[in-house]
Amino acid sequence: MELNKVIVRPLITEKSMALAKEGKYTFEVNKKAFKKDVQKAISEAFGVEVIKVNLFRKAKKRKRVGRLRKKFSNLSFYKKAIVKVKEGQKIDIFEEK
């Protein structure tokens, strides 16, 4: 897989900001990406040494749609990666200003 298509976007939430203080960063990644792909893409894109990668498949959710909200639509699943970097290294996207 091409490395520039592995990382979709960083996930910035309250929980991910708390994890960032521990050196763990959260990203949405391509649905077909493997741990090795994510590790290589993060290390090349941000210039950090990746120690560990955890991947999760976030399940589909149902959403009510329509005027009377009687119909349902499925929101597609996505893949989430939590990346732990070497101690002392940071990814600047997650730093509070």
C-alpha atoms as a PDB file:
ATOM      1  CA  MET A   1       0.000   0.000   0.000  1.00  0.00           C
ATOM      2  CA  GLU A   2       1.228   3.510  -0.796  1.00  0.00           C
ATOM      3  CA  LEU A   3       2.383   5.222   2.373  1.00  0.00           C
ATOM      4  CA  ASN A   4       0.791   8.571   1.540  1.00  0.00           C
ATOM      5  CA  LYS A   5      -2.657   6.914   1.508  1.00  0.00           C
ATOM      6  CA  VAL A   6      -2.321   5.085   4.843  1.00  0.00           C
ATOM      7  CA  ILE A   7      -3.039   7.990   7.228  1.00  0.00           C
ATOM      8  CA  VAL A   8      -6.473   9.524   6.649  1.00  0.00           C
ATOM      9  CA  ARG A   9      -6.506  12.088   9.487  1.00  0.00           C
ATOM     10  CA  PRO A  10      -5.537  12.537  13.132  1.00  0.00           C
ATOM     11  CA  LEU A  11      -8.349  11.956  15.627  1.00  0.00           C
ATOM     12  CA  ILE A  12      -8.344  14.806  18.144  1.00  0.00           C
ATOM     13  CA  THR A  13     -10.704  14.182  21.059  1.00  0.00           C
ATOM     14  CA  GLU A  14     -10.479  14.598  24.825  1.00  0.00           C
ATOM     15  CA  LYS A  15      -9.397  10.996  25.222  1.00  0.00           C
ATOM     16  CA  SER A  16      -6.764  11.216  22.474  1.00  0.00           C
ATOM     17  CA  MET A  17      -5.339  14.395  24.018  1.00  0.00           C
ATOM     18  CA  ALA A  18      -4.986  12.596  27.358  1.00  0.00           C
ATOM     19  CA  LEU A  19      -3.219   9.715  25.586  1.00  0.00           C
ATOM     20  CA  ALA A  20      -0.905  12.188  23.821  1.00  0.00           C
ATOM     21  CA  LYS A  21       0.583  13.134  27.190  1.00  0.00           C
ATOM     22  CA  GLU A  22       1.648   9.480  27.542  1.00  0.00           C
ATOM     23  CA  GLY A  23       3.228   9.414  24.071  1.00  0.00           C
ATOM     24  CA  LYS A  24       0.289   7.651  22.380  1.00  0.00           C
ATOM     25  CA  TYR A  25      -1.303   9.288  19.325  1.00  0.00           C
ATOM     26  CA  THR A  26      -4.581   8.412  17.581  1.00  0.00           C
ATOM     27  CA  PHE A  27      -5.175   8.388  13.811  1.00  0.00           C
ATOM     28  CA  GLU A  28      -7.855   7.270  11.397  1.00  0.00           C
ATOM     29  CA  VAL A  29      -6.160   5.019   8.858  1.00  0.00           C
ATOM     30  CA  ASN A  30      -7.071   3.337   5.594  1.00  0.00           C
ATOM     31  CA  LYS A  31      -9.414   0.357   5.994  1.00  0.00           C
ATOM     32  CA  LYS A  32      -6.922  -1.949   4.269  1.00  0.00           C
ATOM     33  CA  ALA A  33      -3.815  -0.832   6.199  1.00  0.00           C
ATOM     34  CA  PHE A  34      -1.729  -3.235   8.286  1.00  0.00           C
ATOM     35  CA  LYS A  35       0.322  -2.435  11.398  1.00  0.00           C
ATOM     36  CA  LYS A  36       3.607  -2.377   9.445  1.00  0.00           C
ATOM     37  CA  ASP A  37       2.112   0.097   6.926  1.00  0.00           C
ATOM     38  CA  VAL A  38       0.944   2.414   9.705  1.00  0.00           C
ATOM     39  CA  GLN A  39       4.284   2.204  11.517  1.00  0.00           C
ATOM     40  CA  LYS A  40       6.244   3.067   8.380  1.00  0.00           C
ATOM     41  CA  ALA A  41       3.883   5.910   7.356  1.00  0.00           C
ATOM     42  CA  ILE A  42       3.927   7.582  10.798  1.00  0.00           C
ATOM     43  CA  SER A  43       7.703   7.353  11.144  1.00  0.00           C
ATOM     44  CA  GLU A  44       8.259   8.853   7.674  1.00  0.00           C
ATOM     45  CA  ALA A  45       5.588  11.558   7.940  1.00  0.00           C
ATOM     46  CA  PHE A  46       6.463  12.870  11.409  1.00  0.00           C
ATOM     47  CA  GLY A  47      10.095  11.797  11.852  1.00  0.00           C
ATOM     48  CA  VAL A  48       9.524   9.789  15.040  1.00  0.00           C
ATOM     49  CA  GLU A  49      10.394   6.240  16.059  1.00  0.00           C
ATOM     50  CA  VAL A  50       7.249   4.132  16.483  1.00  0.00           C
ATOM     51  CA  ILE A  51       7.401   1.500  19.234  1.00  0.00           C
ATOM     52  CA  LYS A  52       3.913  -0.007  19.105  1.00  0.00           C
ATOM     53  CA  VAL A  53       0.783   0.141  16.910  1.00  0.00           C
ATOM     54  CA  ASN A  54      -2.733  -0.958  17.937  1.00  0.00           C
ATOM     55  CA  LEU A  55      -5.469  -1.148  15.280  1.00  0.00           C
ATOM     56  CA  PHE A  56      -9.224  -1.104  15.910  1.00  0.00           C
ATOM     57  CA  ARG A  57     -12.178  -1.475  13.573  1.00  0.00           C
ATOM     58  CA  LYS A  58     -14.863   0.952  14.688  1.00  0.00           C
ATOM     59  CA  ALA A  59     -18.236  -0.711  14.056  1.00  0.00           C
ATOM     60  CA  LYS A  60     -21.021   0.550  11.800  1.00  0.00           C
ATOM     61  CA  LYS A  61     -23.684   2.686  13.416  1.00  0.00           C
ATOM     62  CA  ARG A  62     -27.314   3.102  12.467  1.00  0.00           C
ATOM     63  CA  LYS A  63     -28.702   6.589  11.996  1.00  0.00           C
ATOM     64  CA  ARG A  64     -32.346   7.595  11.645  1.00  0.00           C
ATOM     65  CA  VAL A  65     -33.092   9.512   8.435  1.00  0.00           C
ATOM     66  CA  GLY A  66     -36.126  10.857   6.632  1.00  0.00           C
ATOM     67  CA  ARG A  67     -38.845  13.297   7.522  1.00  0.00           C
ATOM     68  CA  LEU A  68     -40.494  11.066  10.128  1.00  0.00           C
ATOM     69  CA  ARG A  69     -37.207   9.398  11.157  1.00  0.00           C
ATOM     70  CA  LYS A  70     -38.645   5.936  10.460  1.00  0.00           C
ATOM     71  CA  LYS A  71     -35.942   4.898   7.994  1.00  0.00           C
ATOM     72  CA  PHE A  72     -32.430   3.900   8.909  1.00  0.00           C
ATOM     73  CA  SER A  73     -29.102   4.453   7.192  1.00  0.00           C
ATOM     74  CA  ASN A  74     -25.784   2.840   8.089  1.00  0.00           C
ATOM     75  CA  LEU A  75     -22.717   4.965   8.768  1.00  0.00           C
ATOM     76  CA  SER A  76     -19.696   3.090   7.469  1.00  0.00           C
ATOM     77  CA  PHE A  77     -17.001   1.703   9.730  1.00  0.00           C
ATOM     78  CA  TYR A  78     -13.501   3.104   9.909  1.00  0.00           C
ATOM     79  CA  LYS A  79     -10.158   1.873  11.177  1.00  0.00           C
ATOM     80  CA  LYS A  80      -8.444   3.581  14.085  1.00  0.00           C
ATOM     81  CA  ALA A  81      -4.776   3.318  15.068  1.00  0.00           C
ATOM     82  CA  ILE A  82      -3.190   4.168  18.404  1.00  0.00           C
ATOM     83  CA  VAL A  83       0.539   4.699  17.915  1.00  0.00           C
ATOM     84  CA  LYS A  84       3.086   4.773  20.751  1.00  0.00           C
ATOM     85  CA  VAL A  85       6.294   6.678  20.003  1.00  0.00           C
ATOM     86  CA  LYS A  86       9.688   6.497  21.657  1.00  0.00           C
ATOM     87  CA  GLU A  87       9.963   8.339  24.974  1.00  0.00           C
ATOM     88  CA  GLY A  88      11.001  11.963  24.528  1.00  0.00           C
ATOM     89  CA  GLN A  89       9.628  12.261  20.976  1.00  0.00           C
ATOM     90  CA  LYS A  90       6.441  14.153  20.066  1.00  0.00           C
ATOM     91  CA  ILE A  91       4.058  14.664  17.174  1.00  0.00           C
ATOM     92  CA  ASP A  92       3.323  18.391  16.909  1.00  0.00           C
ATOM     93  CA  ILE A  93      -0.272  18.066  15.694  1.00  0.00           C
ATOM     94  CA  PHE A  94      -1.427  16.952  19.132  1.00  0.00           C
ATOM     95  CA  GLU A  95       0.321  19.651  21.161  1.00  0.00           C
ATOM     96  CA  GLU A  96      -2.018  22.107  22.905  1.00  0.00           C
ATOM     97  CA  LYS A  97      -1.530  25.790  22.182  1.00  0.00           C
END
